[in-house]
């Protein structure tokens, strides 16, 4: 787990229309709205899952129909907007995809449902729809290369400029140098996302890319070993983003658009649902756990050569009531000799949502010395450490 410096990606600001167009869209559906200087006749949205309509952990038809570009297009229609086509998933399918009958590993959507493996008195939890009902992508969608919604789940800023990102092949997906969500509707195997966007000669565009440049790293607990994700370097991001904007605005002198800022990833429920102190103990249990730490880890810390500040930071304390979870922290001073770098979480630490099903369970069934977050520290991928700036 690592501290994420959110300001690292404050390269963007929410902008008004690039060329200063002022649209006035109001009134009922049967009222002709004034588009001002904007031309909505050919509206194209370029982005990632937020643009595509990804919802409930998957891309499926209902989510796509309620994507924000689709909603915008409905409003733009009142002011001269044209048709808005999306690369819709198959009717009734739940999000998974196959190519030549091979499962591409994209998850089905989640629904809230009781989980029989958990305490039945607990609230419903997100569960994947079962059985899987996949969408075959062996043949590109009709109209490929001409879809107004160019949202591609998983896409980062530089992917919009990457040739072959829409290659329809298992080999390309395995690398991965291609994205099956884009391969479904790319015009050919070598085309770039930006190419298919500008080929449509948009009169108006919305660009919302950059979220995944930091988000995919963050959801893995800032641990690249989980899925190999890392924060996109600023020079890479800046070059890619500037190139995308330059290409879109060069389509036509009259083309206008909107750039949407990258939201603060630390604000999403994924990082704010699980509290840092969810371990509730009675006095007897707390005393037992405390005694074990005092006789082992706390004793070693108290007699070490660490600073008084770090000794206090690393001392584990359990009491009756709610307690912070124990976590690994790679930034603590290594002591060697197999002594773990652990401490208890603070309010500045963000516990990732999947850890909710892990905390308080035994890593080895029947062994109470392996209770996650109590006698066994949560791993790097479970926590974002440090206060986000």
Foldseek 3Di string as FASTA:
>chain_A
DEADAVVQQPPDDWDDKPVPFDFDFDDDLVAQGAGGLAAQQQEAEAEACLLQQAPQQAAAQVSNCVRPVNVVQSRCVSHNHHDAFHLHFDPPAFHWEDEPNHTLPRFGGWDFDQDPVDDSVDGTDTDGDPDHDYGYLNDADPVALQGRRNYHHPDALQQQVAFQQLAPDPVCVVVVSHGVSNVNRHPYRGDGSLVSNLVNLGLEYEYEHHQNLVQVCVLQLVDCVPPNHHRDRPVSNVVSVVVSVVSQCVSDVNRIYTYDGHDDNCPDCQFVVDAQWADADAAVVQVVLLVVCVVPVLVCLVPDPDDPVVNVQARDHGGHGTGGFKAADPPRDDDDPPRGRIGGADRQKTFGDVCVVQAQDAPDPPDPCRHYRRNNHDYSSGMHDGHHD
